[in-house]
Full PDB file with SEQRES, HELIX, SHEET, SSBOND, CRYST1, ORIGX, SCALE, CONECT and MASTER records, all heavy atoms in Angstrom:
SEQRES   1 A   35  PHE ARG ILE LYS ARG ALA SER GLU ILE LYS GLU ASN GLU          
SEQRES   2 A   35  GLY LYS ASP PRO LYS LYS VAL ILE GLU LYS THR ASP ASN          
SEQRES   3 A   35  TYR ARG ARG THR TYR TYR LYS LYS TYR                          
HELIX    1 AA1 ARG A    2  GLU A    8  1                                   7    
HELIX    2 AA2 LYS A   10  ASN A   12  5                                   3    
HELIX    3 AA3 PRO A   17  LYS A   34  1                                  18    
CRYST1    1.000    1.000    1.000  90.00  90.00  90.00 P 1           1          
ORIGX1      1.000000  0.000000  0.000000        0.00000                         
ORIGX2      0.000000  1.000000  0.000000        0.00000                         
ORIGX3      0.000000  0.000000  1.000000        0.00000                         
SCALE1      1.000000  0.000000  0.000000        0.00000                         
SCALE2      0.000000  1.000000  0.000000        0.00000                         
SCALE3      0.000000  0.000000  1.000000        0.00000                         
ATOM      1  N   PHE A   1      13.003  11.296   1.480  1.00  0.00           N  
ATOM      2  CA  PHE A   1      14.040  10.842   2.413  1.00  0.00           C  
ATOM      3  C   PHE A   1      13.639   9.494   3.023  1.00  0.00           C  
ATOM      4  O   PHE A   1      14.434   8.564   3.109  1.00  0.00           O  
ATOM      5  CB  PHE A   1      14.234  11.893   3.517  1.00  0.00           C  
ATOM      6  CG  PHE A   1      15.247  11.511   4.559  1.00  0.00           C  
ATOM      7  CD1 PHE A   1      16.604  11.736   4.359  1.00  0.00           C  
ATOM      8  CD2 PHE A   1      14.839  10.932   5.759  1.00  0.00           C  
ATOM      9  CE1 PHE A   1      17.539  11.394   5.331  1.00  0.00           C  
ATOM     10  CE2 PHE A   1      15.772  10.590   6.736  1.00  0.00           C  
ATOM     11  CZ  PHE A   1      17.128  10.811   6.516  1.00  0.00           C  
ATOM     12  N   ARG A   2      12.382   9.384   3.423  1.00  0.00           N  
ATOM     13  CA  ARG A   2      11.915   8.167   4.073  1.00  0.00           C  
ATOM     14  C   ARG A   2      11.792   7.000   3.091  1.00  0.00           C  
ATOM     15  O   ARG A   2      12.016   5.856   3.457  1.00  0.00           O  
ATOM     16  CB  ARG A   2      10.598   8.422   4.807  1.00  0.00           C  
ATOM     17  CG  ARG A   2      10.820   9.372   5.978  1.00  0.00           C  
ATOM     18  CD  ARG A   2       9.650   9.453   6.924  1.00  0.00           C  
ATOM     19  NE  ARG A   2       8.456   9.970   6.304  1.00  0.00           N  
ATOM     20  CZ  ARG A   2       7.240   9.435   6.442  1.00  0.00           C  
ATOM     21  NH1 ARG A   2       7.054   8.349   7.177  1.00  0.00           N  
ATOM     22  NH2 ARG A   2       6.205   9.982   5.857  1.00  0.00           N  
ATOM     23  N   ILE A   3      11.460   7.304   1.845  1.00  0.00           N  
ATOM     24  CA  ILE A   3      11.408   6.245   0.827  1.00  0.00           C  
ATOM     25  C   ILE A   3      12.790   5.624   0.650  1.00  0.00           C  
ATOM     26  O   ILE A   3      12.947   4.402   0.604  1.00  0.00           O  
ATOM     27  CB  ILE A   3      10.866   6.784  -0.520  1.00  0.00           C  
ATOM     28  CG1 ILE A   3       9.355   7.027  -0.410  1.00  0.00           C  
ATOM     29  CG2 ILE A   3      11.182   5.820  -1.667  1.00  0.00           C  
ATOM     30  CD1 ILE A   3       8.744   7.748  -1.599  1.00  0.00           C  
ATOM     31  N   LYS A   4      13.804   6.479   0.583  1.00  0.00           N  
ATOM     32  CA  LYS A   4      15.175   5.984   0.452  1.00  0.00           C  
ATOM     33  C   LYS A   4      15.539   5.115   1.656  1.00  0.00           C  
ATOM     34  O   LYS A   4      16.079   4.019   1.516  1.00  0.00           O  
ATOM     35  CB  LYS A   4      16.148   7.158   0.320  1.00  0.00           C  
ATOM     36  CG  LYS A   4      17.593   6.750   0.111  1.00  0.00           C  
ATOM     37  CD  LYS A   4      18.486   7.977  -0.032  1.00  0.00           C  
ATOM     38  CE  LYS A   4      19.936   7.612  -0.272  1.00  0.00           C  
ATOM     39  NZ  LYS A   4      20.533   6.756   0.739  1.00  0.00           N  
ATOM     40  N   ARG A   5      15.218   5.581   2.848  1.00  0.00           N  
ATOM     41  CA  ARG A   5      15.524   4.827   4.065  1.00  0.00           C  
ATOM     42  C   ARG A   5      14.745   3.521   4.105  1.00  0.00           C  
ATOM     43  O   ARG A   5      15.288   2.460   4.426  1.00  0.00           O  
ATOM     44  CB  ARG A   5      15.204   5.680   5.301  1.00  0.00           C  
ATOM     45  CG  ARG A   5      15.272   4.939   6.611  1.00  0.00           C  
ATOM     46  CD  ARG A   5      16.667   4.449   6.909  1.00  0.00           C  
ATOM     47  NE  ARG A   5      16.692   3.731   8.184  1.00  0.00           N  
ATOM     48  CZ  ARG A   5      17.485   2.704   8.439  1.00  0.00           C  
ATOM     49  NH1 ARG A   5      18.331   2.277   7.546  1.00  0.00           N  
ATOM     50  NH2 ARG A   5      17.446   2.105   9.613  1.00  0.00           N  
ATOM     51  N   ALA A   6      13.455   3.556   3.790  1.00  0.00           N  
ATOM     52  CA  ALA A   6      12.612   2.353   3.825  1.00  0.00           C  
ATOM     53  C   ALA A   6      13.124   1.288   2.866  1.00  0.00           C  
ATOM     54  O   ALA A   6      13.055   0.094   3.155  1.00  0.00           O  
ATOM     55  CB  ALA A   6      11.165   2.706   3.515  1.00  0.00           C  
ATOM     56  N   SER A   7      13.663   1.719   1.725  1.00  0.00           N  
ATOM     57  CA  SER A   7      14.174   0.758   0.738  1.00  0.00           C  
ATOM     58  C   SER A   7      15.445   0.061   1.229  1.00  0.00           C  
ATOM     59  O   SER A   7      15.818  -0.989   0.720  1.00  0.00           O  
ATOM     60  CB  SER A   7      14.420   1.441  -0.603  1.00  0.00           C  
ATOM     61  OG  SER A   7      15.485   2.365  -0.492  1.00  0.00           O  
ATOM     62  N   GLU A   8      16.097   0.618   2.249  1.00  0.00           N  
ATOM     63  CA  GLU A   8      17.316   0.025   2.821  1.00  0.00           C  
ATOM     64  C   GLU A   8      17.017  -0.959   3.953  1.00  0.00           C  
ATOM     65  O   GLU A   8      17.896  -1.698   4.377  1.00  0.00           O  
ATOM     66  CB  GLU A   8      18.236   1.128   3.366  1.00  0.00           C  
ATOM     67  CG  GLU A   8      18.724   2.094   2.315  1.00  0.00           C  
ATOM     68  CD  GLU A   8      19.354   3.356   2.894  1.00  0.00           C  
ATOM     69  OE1 GLU A   8      19.305   3.551   4.131  1.00  0.00           O  
ATOM     70  OE2 GLU A   8      19.887   4.146   2.099  1.00  0.00           O  
ATOM     71  N   ILE A   9      15.787  -0.963   4.434  1.00  0.00           N  
ATOM     72  CA  ILE A   9      15.412  -1.823   5.561  1.00  0.00           C  
ATOM     73  C   ILE A   9      15.117  -3.227   5.040  1.00  0.00           C  
ATOM     74  O   ILE A   9      14.294  -3.409   4.133  1.00  0.00           O  
ATOM     75  CB  ILE A   9      14.201  -1.230   6.318  1.00  0.00           C  
ATOM     76  CG1 ILE A   9      14.567   0.140   6.896  1.00  0.00           C  
ATOM     77  CG2 ILE A   9      13.735  -2.179   7.427  1.00  0.00           C  
ATOM     78  CD1 ILE A   9      13.400   0.907   7.495  1.00  0.00           C  
ATOM     79  N   LYS A  10      15.796  -4.206   5.616  1.00  0.00           N  
ATOM     80  CA  LYS A  10      15.741  -5.591   5.135  1.00  0.00           C  
ATOM     81  C   LYS A  10      14.318  -6.137   5.021  1.00  0.00           C  
ATOM     82  O   LYS A  10      13.980  -6.795   4.041  1.00  0.00           O  
ATOM     83  CB  LYS A  10      16.584  -6.481   6.057  1.00  0.00           C  
ATOM     84  CG  LYS A  10      16.787  -7.863   5.526  1.00  0.00           C  
ATOM     85  CD  LYS A  10      17.678  -8.693   6.422  1.00  0.00           C  
ATOM     86  CE  LYS A  10      17.851 -10.076   5.812  1.00  0.00           C  
ATOM     87  NZ  LYS A  10      18.665 -10.943   6.623  1.00  0.00           N  
ATOM     88  N   GLU A  11      13.480  -5.867   6.011  1.00  0.00           N  
ATOM     89  CA  GLU A  11      12.114  -6.413   6.008  1.00  0.00           C  
ATOM     90  C   GLU A  11      11.256  -5.878   4.849  1.00  0.00           C  
ATOM     91  O   GLU A  11      10.199  -6.415   4.557  1.00  0.00           O  
ATOM     92  CB  GLU A  11      11.423  -6.144   7.347  1.00  0.00           C  
ATOM     93  CG  GLU A  11      11.155  -4.677   7.607  1.00  0.00           C  
ATOM     94  CD  GLU A  11      10.817  -4.378   9.055  1.00  0.00           C  
ATOM     95  OE1 GLU A  11      11.431  -4.957   9.962  1.00  0.00           O  
ATOM     96  OE2 GLU A  11       9.931  -3.535   9.262  1.00  0.00           O  
ATOM     97  N   ASN A  12      11.736  -4.822   4.184  1.00  0.00           N  
ATOM     98  CA  ASN A  12      10.979  -4.244   3.070  1.00  0.00           C  
ATOM     99  C   ASN A  12      11.454  -4.737   1.702  1.00  0.00           C  
ATOM    100  O   ASN A  12      10.972  -4.268   0.679  1.00  0.00           O  
ATOM    101  CB  ASN A  12      11.076  -2.714   3.098  1.00  0.00           C  
ATOM    102  CG  ASN A  12      10.410  -2.137   4.320  1.00  0.00           C  
ATOM    103  OD1 ASN A  12       9.502  -2.748   4.879  1.00  0.00           O  
ATOM    104  ND2 ASN A  12      10.868  -0.987   4.759  1.00  0.00           N  
ATOM    105  N   GLU A  13      12.378  -5.680   1.706  1.00  0.00           N  
ATOM    106  CA  GLU A  13      12.925  -6.198   0.458  1.00  0.00           C  
ATOM    107  C   GLU A  13      11.805  -6.721  -0.435  1.00  0.00           C  
ATOM    108  O   GLU A  13      10.952  -7.490  -0.006  1.00  0.00           O  
ATOM    109  CB  GLU A  13      13.902  -7.342   0.780  1.00  0.00           C  
ATOM    110  CG  GLU A  13      15.032  -7.459  -0.213  1.00  0.00           C  
ATOM    111  CD  GLU A  13      16.094  -8.427   0.288  1.00  0.00           C  
ATOM    112  OE1 GLU A  13      16.914  -8.014   1.131  1.00  0.00           O  
ATOM    113  OE2 GLU A  13      16.069  -9.582  -0.164  1.00  0.00           O  
ATOM    114  N   GLY A  14      11.789  -6.264  -1.693  1.00  0.00           N  
ATOM    115  CA  GLY A  14      10.779  -6.697  -2.649  1.00  0.00           C  
ATOM    116  C   GLY A  14       9.450  -5.975  -2.526  1.00  0.00           C  
ATOM    117  O   GLY A  14       8.500  -6.275  -3.246  1.00  0.00           O  
ATOM    118  N   LYS A  15       9.344  -5.019  -1.610  1.00  0.00           N  
ATOM    119  CA  LYS A  15       8.097  -4.265  -1.418  1.00  0.00           C  
ATOM    120  C   LYS A  15       8.271  -2.844  -1.939  1.00  0.00           C  
ATOM    121  O   LYS A  15       9.383  -2.337  -2.011  1.00  0.00           O  
ATOM    122  CB  LYS A  15       7.721  -4.206   0.064  1.00  0.00           C  
ATOM    123  CG  LYS A  15       7.453  -5.552   0.693  1.00  0.00           C  
ATOM    124  CD  LYS A  15       7.163  -5.376   2.177  1.00  0.00           C  
ATOM    125  CE  LYS A  15       7.017  -6.712   2.873  1.00  0.00           C  
ATOM    126  NZ  LYS A  15       6.903  -6.553   4.327  1.00  0.00           N  
ATOM    127  N   ASP A  16       7.162  -2.205  -2.261  1.00  0.00           N  
ATOM    128  CA  ASP A  16       7.179  -0.800  -2.662  1.00  0.00           C  
ATOM    129  C   ASP A  16       7.347   0.041  -1.390  1.00  0.00           C  
ATOM    130  O   ASP A  16       6.438   0.078  -0.545  1.00  0.00           O  
ATOM    131  CB  ASP A  16       5.867  -0.450  -3.365  1.00  0.00           C  
ATOM    132  CG  ASP A  16       5.773   1.003  -3.801  1.00  0.00           C  
ATOM    133  OD1 ASP A  16       6.503   1.856  -3.250  1.00  0.00           O  
ATOM    134  OD2 ASP A  16       4.950   1.291  -4.682  1.00  0.00           O  
ATOM    135  N   PRO A  17       8.504   0.714  -1.206  1.00  0.00           N  
ATOM    136  CA  PRO A  17       8.753   1.442   0.046  1.00  0.00           C  
ATOM    137  C   PRO A  17       7.731   2.542   0.328  1.00  0.00           C  
ATOM    138  O   PRO A  17       7.371   2.782   1.481  1.00  0.00           O  
ATOM    139  CB  PRO A  17      10.165   2.001  -0.110  1.00  0.00           C  
ATOM    140  CG  PRO A  17      10.487   1.904  -1.549  1.00  0.00           C  
ATOM    141  CD  PRO A  17       9.624   0.826  -2.122  1.00  0.00           C  
ATOM    142  N   LYS A  18       7.232   3.182  -0.720  1.00  0.00           N  
ATOM    143  CA  LYS A  18       6.244   4.247  -0.520  1.00  0.00           C  
ATOM    144  C   LYS A  18       4.961   3.678   0.075  1.00  0.00           C  
ATOM    145  O   LYS A  18       4.380   4.252   0.999  1.00  0.00           O  
ATOM    146  CB  LYS A  18       5.950   4.961  -1.839  1.00  0.00           C  
ATOM    147  CG  LYS A  18       5.015   6.140  -1.680  1.00  0.00           C  
ATOM    148  CD  LYS A  18       4.771   6.868  -2.969  1.00  0.00           C  
ATOM    149  CE  LYS A  18       3.831   8.037  -2.751  1.00  0.00           C  
ATOM    150  NZ  LYS A  18       3.416   8.663  -3.996  1.00  0.00           N  
ATOM    151  N   LYS A  19       4.531   2.520  -0.428  1.00  0.00           N  
ATOM    152  CA  LYS A  19       3.317   1.891   0.102  1.00  0.00           C  
ATOM    153  C   LYS A  19       3.520   1.414   1.540  1.00  0.00           C  
ATOM    154  O   LYS A  19       2.614   1.510   2.362  1.00  0.00           O  
ATOM    155  CB  LYS A  19       2.889   0.719  -0.794  1.00  0.00           C  
ATOM    156  CG  LYS A  19       2.286   1.183  -2.104  1.00  0.00           C  
ATOM    157  CD  LYS A  19       1.797   0.036  -2.940  1.00  0.00           C  
ATOM    158  CE  LYS A  19       1.188   0.571  -4.229  1.00  0.00           C  
ATOM    159  NZ  LYS A  19       0.871  -0.492  -5.182  1.00  0.00           N  
ATOM    160  N   VAL A  20       4.702   0.900   1.841  1.00  0.00           N  
ATOM    161  CA  VAL A  20       5.009   0.466   3.211  1.00  0.00           C  
ATOM    162  C   VAL A  20       4.923   1.653   4.163  1.00  0.00           C  
ATOM    163  O   VAL A  20       4.330   1.563   5.244  1.00  0.00           O  
ATOM    164  CB  VAL A  20       6.411  -0.188   3.290  1.00  0.00           C  
ATOM    165  CG1 VAL A  20       6.806  -0.449   4.744  1.00  0.00           C  
ATOM    166  CG2 VAL A  20       6.456  -1.476   2.491  1.00  0.00           C  
ATOM    167  N   ILE A  21       5.485   2.788   3.755  1.00  0.00           N  
ATOM    168  CA  ILE A  21       5.447   4.005   4.572  1.00  0.00           C  
ATOM    169  C   ILE A  21       4.013   4.463   4.796  1.00  0.00           C  
ATOM    170  O   ILE A  21       3.608   4.727   5.935  1.00  0.00           O  
ATOM    171  CB  ILE A  21       6.269   5.140   3.905  1.00  0.00           C  
ATOM    172  CG1 ILE A  21       7.756   4.834   4.004  1.00  0.00           C  
ATOM    173  CG2 ILE A  21       5.959   6.498   4.547  1.00  0.00           C  
ATOM    174  CD1 ILE A  21       8.632   5.728   3.138  1.00  0.00           C  
ATOM    175  N   GLU A  22       3.248   4.549   3.712  1.00  0.00           N  
ATOM    176  CA  GLU A  22       1.866   5.022   3.820  1.00  0.00           C  
ATOM    177  C   GLU A  22       1.045   4.123   4.746  1.00  0.00           C  
ATOM    178  O   GLU A  22       0.317   4.610   5.614  1.00  0.00           O  
ATOM    179  CB  GLU A  22       1.226   5.094   2.431  1.00  0.00           C  
ATOM    180  CG  GLU A  22       1.775   6.232   1.586  1.00  0.00           C  
ATOM    181  CD  GLU A  22       1.352   6.165   0.127  1.00  0.00           C  
ATOM    182  OE1 GLU A  22       0.735   5.160  -0.304  1.00  0.00           O  
ATOM    183  OE2 GLU A  22       1.665   7.134  -0.617  1.00  0.00           O  
ATOM    184  N   LYS A  23       1.185   2.815   4.573  1.00  0.00           N  
ATOM    185  CA  LYS A  23       0.420   1.869   5.388  1.00  0.00           C  
ATOM    186  C   LYS A  23       0.848   1.946   6.858  1.00  0.00           C  
ATOM    187  O   LYS A  23       0.007   2.048   7.755  1.00  0.00           O  
ATOM    188  CB  LYS A  23       0.634   0.447   4.855  1.00  0.00           C  
ATOM    189  CG  LYS A  23      -0.130  -0.609   5.613  1.00  0.00           C  
ATOM    190  CD  LYS A  23       0.116  -1.984   5.003  1.00  0.00           C  
ATOM    191  CE  LYS A  23      -0.582  -3.066   5.795  1.00  0.00           C  
ATOM    192  NZ  LYS A  23      -0.311  -4.405   5.246  1.00  0.00           N  
ATOM    193  N   THR A  24       2.152   1.924   7.112  1.00  0.00           N  
ATOM    194  CA  THR A  24       2.649   1.942   8.496  1.00  0.00           C  
ATOM    195  C   THR A  24       2.276   3.242   9.197  1.00  0.00           C  
ATOM    196  O   THR A  24       1.813   3.229  10.338  1.00  0.00           O  
ATOM    197  CB  THR A  24       4.173   1.721   8.527  1.00  0.00           C  
ATOM    198  OG1 THR A  24       4.480   0.525   7.809  1.00  0.00           O  
ATOM    199  CG2 THR A  24       4.681   1.596   9.953  1.00  0.00           C  
ATOM    200  N   ASP A  25       2.478   4.373   8.517  1.00  0.00           N  
ATOM    201  CA  ASP A  25       2.107   5.665   9.111  1.00  0.00           C  
ATOM    202  C   ASP A  25       0.612   5.730   9.416  1.00  0.00           C  
ATOM    203  O   ASP A  25       0.202   6.209  10.472  1.00  0.00           O  
ATOM    204  CB  ASP A  25       2.487   6.823   8.185  1.00  0.00           C  
ATOM    205  CG  ASP A  25       3.955   7.193   8.255  1.00  0.00           C  
ATOM    206  OD1 ASP A  25       4.681   6.671   9.124  1.00  0.00           O  
ATOM    207  OD2 ASP A  25       4.387   8.019   7.424  1.00  0.00           O  
ATOM    208  N   ASN A  26      -0.199   5.235   8.484  1.00  0.00           N  
ATOM    209  CA  ASN A  26      -1.649   5.250   8.664  1.00  0.00           C  
ATOM    210  C   ASN A  26      -2.050   4.406   9.878  1.00  0.00           C  
ATOM    211  O   ASN A  26      -2.848   4.836  10.719  1.00  0.00           O  
ATOM    212  CB  ASN A  26      -2.327   4.736   7.392  1.00  0.00           C  
ATOM    213  CG  ASN A  26      -3.822   4.983   7.392  1.00  0.00           C  
ATOM    214  OD1 ASN A  26      -4.324   5.875   8.055  1.00  0.00           O  
ATOM    215  ND2 ASN A  26      -4.541   4.174   6.635  1.00  0.00           N  
ATOM    216  N   TYR A  27      -1.471   3.214   9.995  1.00  0.00           N  
ATOM    217  CA  TYR A  27      -1.771   2.336  11.123  1.00  0.00           C  
ATOM    218  C   TYR A  27      -1.321   2.967  12.439  1.00  0.00           C  
ATOM    219  O   TYR A  27      -2.028   2.905  13.445  1.00  0.00           O  
ATOM    220  CB  TYR A  27      -1.095   0.983  10.945  1.00  0.00           C  
ATOM    221  CG  TYR A  27      -1.806   0.041   9.985  1.00  0.00           C  
ATOM    222  CD1 TYR A  27      -2.876   0.446   9.199  1.00  0.00           C  
ATOM    223  CD2 TYR A  27      -1.397  -1.275   9.860  1.00  0.00           C  
ATOM    224  CE1 TYR A  27      -3.511  -0.405   8.328  1.00  0.00           C  
ATOM    225  CE2 TYR A  27      -2.027  -2.154   8.992  1.00  0.00           C  
ATOM    226  CZ  TYR A  27      -3.085  -1.726   8.232  1.00  0.00           C  
ATOM    227  OH  TYR A  27      -3.715  -2.590   7.379  1.00  0.00           O  
ATOM    228  N   ARG A  28      -0.129   3.563  12.445  1.00  0.00           N  
ATOM    229  CA  ARG A  28       0.376   4.187  13.678  1.00  0.00           C  
ATOM    230  C   ARG A  28      -0.493   5.366  14.092  1.00  0.00           C  
ATOM    231  O   ARG A  28      -0.777   5.554  15.276  1.00  0.00           O  
ATOM    232  CB  ARG A  28       1.827   4.639  13.492  1.00  0.00           C  
ATOM    233  CG  ARG A  28       2.815   3.508  13.551  1.00  0.00           C  
ATOM    234  CD  ARG A  28       4.235   4.018  13.386  1.00  0.00           C  
ATOM    235  NE  ARG A  28       5.192   2.921  13.426  1.00  0.00           N  
ATOM    236  CZ  ARG A  28       6.475   3.050  13.140  1.00  0.00           C  
ATOM    237  NH1 ARG A  28       6.966   4.234  12.789  1.00  0.00           N  
ATOM    238  NH2 ARG A  28       7.277   2.017  13.194  1.00  0.00           N  
ATOM    239  N   ARG A  29      -0.906   6.185  13.119  1.00  0.00           N  
ATOM    240  CA  ARG A  29      -1.767   7.335  13.435  1.00  0.00           C  
ATOM    241  C   ARG A  29      -3.092   6.875  14.040  1.00  0.00           C  
ATOM    242  O   ARG A  29      -3.577   7.432  15.017  1.00  0.00           O  
ATOM    243  CB  ARG A  29      -2.038   8.169  12.176  1.00  0.00           C  
ATOM    244  CG  ARG A  29      -0.940   9.124  11.804  1.00  0.00           C  
ATOM    245  CD  ARG A  29      -1.382  10.112  10.736  1.00  0.00           C  
ATOM    246  NE  ARG A  29      -1.800   9.473   9.506  1.00  0.00           N  
ATOM    247  CZ  ARG A  29      -0.994   9.194   8.483  1.00  0.00           C  
ATOM    248  NH1 ARG A  29       0.287   9.505   8.533  1.00  0.00           N  
ATOM    249  NH2 ARG A  29      -1.463   8.613   7.402  1.00  0.00           N  
ATOM    250  N   THR A  30      -3.669   5.835  13.428  1.00  0.00           N  
ATOM    251  CA  THR A  30      -4.950   5.312  13.902  1.00  0.00           C  
ATOM    252  C   THR A  30      -4.811   4.746  15.309  1.00  0.00           C  
ATOM    253  O   THR A  30      -5.649   4.989  16.188  1.00  0.00           O  
ATOM    254  CB  THR A  30      -5.484   4.232  12.933  1.00  0.00           C  
ATOM    255  OG1 THR A  30      -5.575   4.809  11.624  1.00  0.00           O  
ATOM    256  CG2 THR A  30      -6.844   3.721  13.355  1.00  0.00           C  
ATOM    257  N   TYR A  31      -3.748   3.997  15.535  1.00  0.00           N  
ATOM    258  CA  TYR A  31      -3.474   3.390  16.841  1.00  0.00           C  
ATOM    259  C   TYR A  31      -3.302   4.470  17.908  1.00  0.00           C  
ATOM    260  O   TYR A  31      -3.900   4.402  18.988  1.00  0.00           O  
ATOM    261  CB  TYR A  31      -2.196   2.548  16.717  1.00  0.00           C  
ATOM    262  CG  TYR A  31      -1.820   1.755  17.936  1.00  0.00           C  
ATOM    263  CD1 TYR A  31      -2.361   0.499  18.169  1.00  0.00           C  
ATOM    264  CD2 TYR A  31      -0.892   2.248  18.851  1.00  0.00           C  
ATOM    265  CE1 TYR A  31      -1.996  -0.251  19.284  1.00  0.00           C  
ATOM    266  CE2 TYR A  31      -0.525   1.503  19.966  1.00  0.00           C  
ATOM    267  CZ  TYR A  31      -1.081   0.259  20.177  1.00  0.00           C  
ATOM    268  OH  TYR A  31      -0.711  -0.461  21.279  1.00  0.00           O  
ATOM    269  N   TYR A  32      -2.496   5.474  17.603  1.00  0.00           N  
ATOM    270  CA  TYR A  32      -2.228   6.564  18.544  1.00  0.00           C  
ATOM    271  C   TYR A  32      -3.524   7.303  18.887  1.00  0.00           C  
ATOM    272  O   TYR A  32      -3.805   7.600  20.051  1.00  0.00           O  
ATOM    273  CB  TYR A  32      -1.201   7.518  17.935  1.00  0.00           C  
ATOM    274  CG  TYR A  32      -0.599   8.516  18.880  1.00  0.00           C  
ATOM    275  CD1 TYR A  32       0.504   8.191  19.662  1.00  0.00           C  
ATOM    276  CD2 TYR A  32      -1.110   9.804  18.984  1.00  0.00           C  
ATOM    277  CE1 TYR A  32       1.088   9.119  20.526  1.00  0.00           C  
ATOM    278  CE2 TYR A  32      -0.541  10.741  19.842  1.00  0.00           C  
ATOM    279  CZ  TYR A  32       0.553  10.392  20.604  1.00  0.00           C  
ATOM    280  OH  TYR A  32       1.123  11.316  21.457  1.00  0.00           O  
ATOM    281  N   LYS A  33      -4.316   7.593  17.868  1.00  0.00           N  
ATOM    282  CA  LYS A  33      -5.576   8.310  18.072  1.00  0.00           C  
ATOM    283  C   LYS A  33      -6.545   7.483  18.930  1.00  0.00           C  
ATOM    284  O   LYS A  33      -7.175   7.995  19.856  1.00  0.00           O  
ATOM    285  CB  LYS A  33      -6.220   8.635  16.716  1.00  0.00           C  
ATOM    286  CG  LYS A  33      -7.510   9.419  16.792  1.00  0.00           C  
ATOM    287  CD  LYS A  33      -7.256  10.835  17.204  1.00  0.00           C  
ATOM    288  CE  LYS A  33      -8.496  11.685  17.040  1.00  0.00           C  
ATOM    289  NZ  LYS A  33      -8.241  13.084  17.348  1.00  0.00           N  
ATOM    290  N   LYS A  34      -6.621   6.185  18.633  1.00  0.00           N  
ATOM    291  CA  LYS A  34      -7.547   5.316  19.366  1.00  0.00           C  
ATOM    292  C   LYS A  34      -7.190   5.256  20.852  1.00  0.00           C  
ATOM    293  O   LYS A  34      -8.070   5.325  21.706  1.00  0.00           O  
ATOM    294  CB  LYS A  34      -7.530   3.897  18.786  1.00  0.00           C  
ATOM    295  CG  LYS A  34      -8.368   2.920  19.594  1.00  0.00           C  
ATOM    296  CD  LYS A  34      -8.386   1.555  18.997  1.00  0.00           C  
ATOM    297  CE  LYS A  34      -9.092   0.525  19.852  1.00  0.00           C  
ATOM    298  NZ  LYS A  34     -10.231   0.939  20.607  1.00  0.00           N  
ATOM    299  N   TYR A  35      -5.900   5.125  21.162  1.00  0.00           N  
ATOM    300  CA  TYR A  35      -5.517   4.906  22.555  1.00  0.00           C  
ATOM    301  C   TYR A  35      -5.126   6.168  23.324  1.00  0.00           C  
ATOM    302  O   TYR A  35      -4.967   6.117  24.540  1.00  0.00           O  
ATOM    303  CB  TYR A  35      -4.400   3.863  22.634  1.00  0.00           C  
ATOM    304  CG  TYR A  35      -4.923   2.486  22.271  1.00  0.00           C  
ATOM    305  CD1 TYR A  35      -4.556   1.865  21.095  1.00  0.00           C  
ATOM    306  CD2 TYR A  35      -5.837   1.832  23.098  1.00  0.00           C  
ATOM    307  CE1 TYR A  35      -5.062   0.619  20.752  1.00  0.00           C  
ATOM    308  CE2 TYR A  35      -6.355   0.598  22.764  1.00  0.00           C  
ATOM    309  CZ  TYR A  35      -5.963  -0.008  21.590  1.00  0.00           C  
ATOM    310  OH  TYR A  35      -6.487  -1.230  21.254  1.00  0.00           O  
TER     311      TYR A  35                                                      
MASTER        0    0    0    3    0    0    0    6  310    1    0    3          
END                                                                             
């Protein structure tokens, strides 16, 4: 579901949506845990 949504987001044009999701989720989890 999120891959489909990510592929519709303009800033992700030309990017692999699955990789964008994995990277963003990973960064958010790390940030949340740290703070």
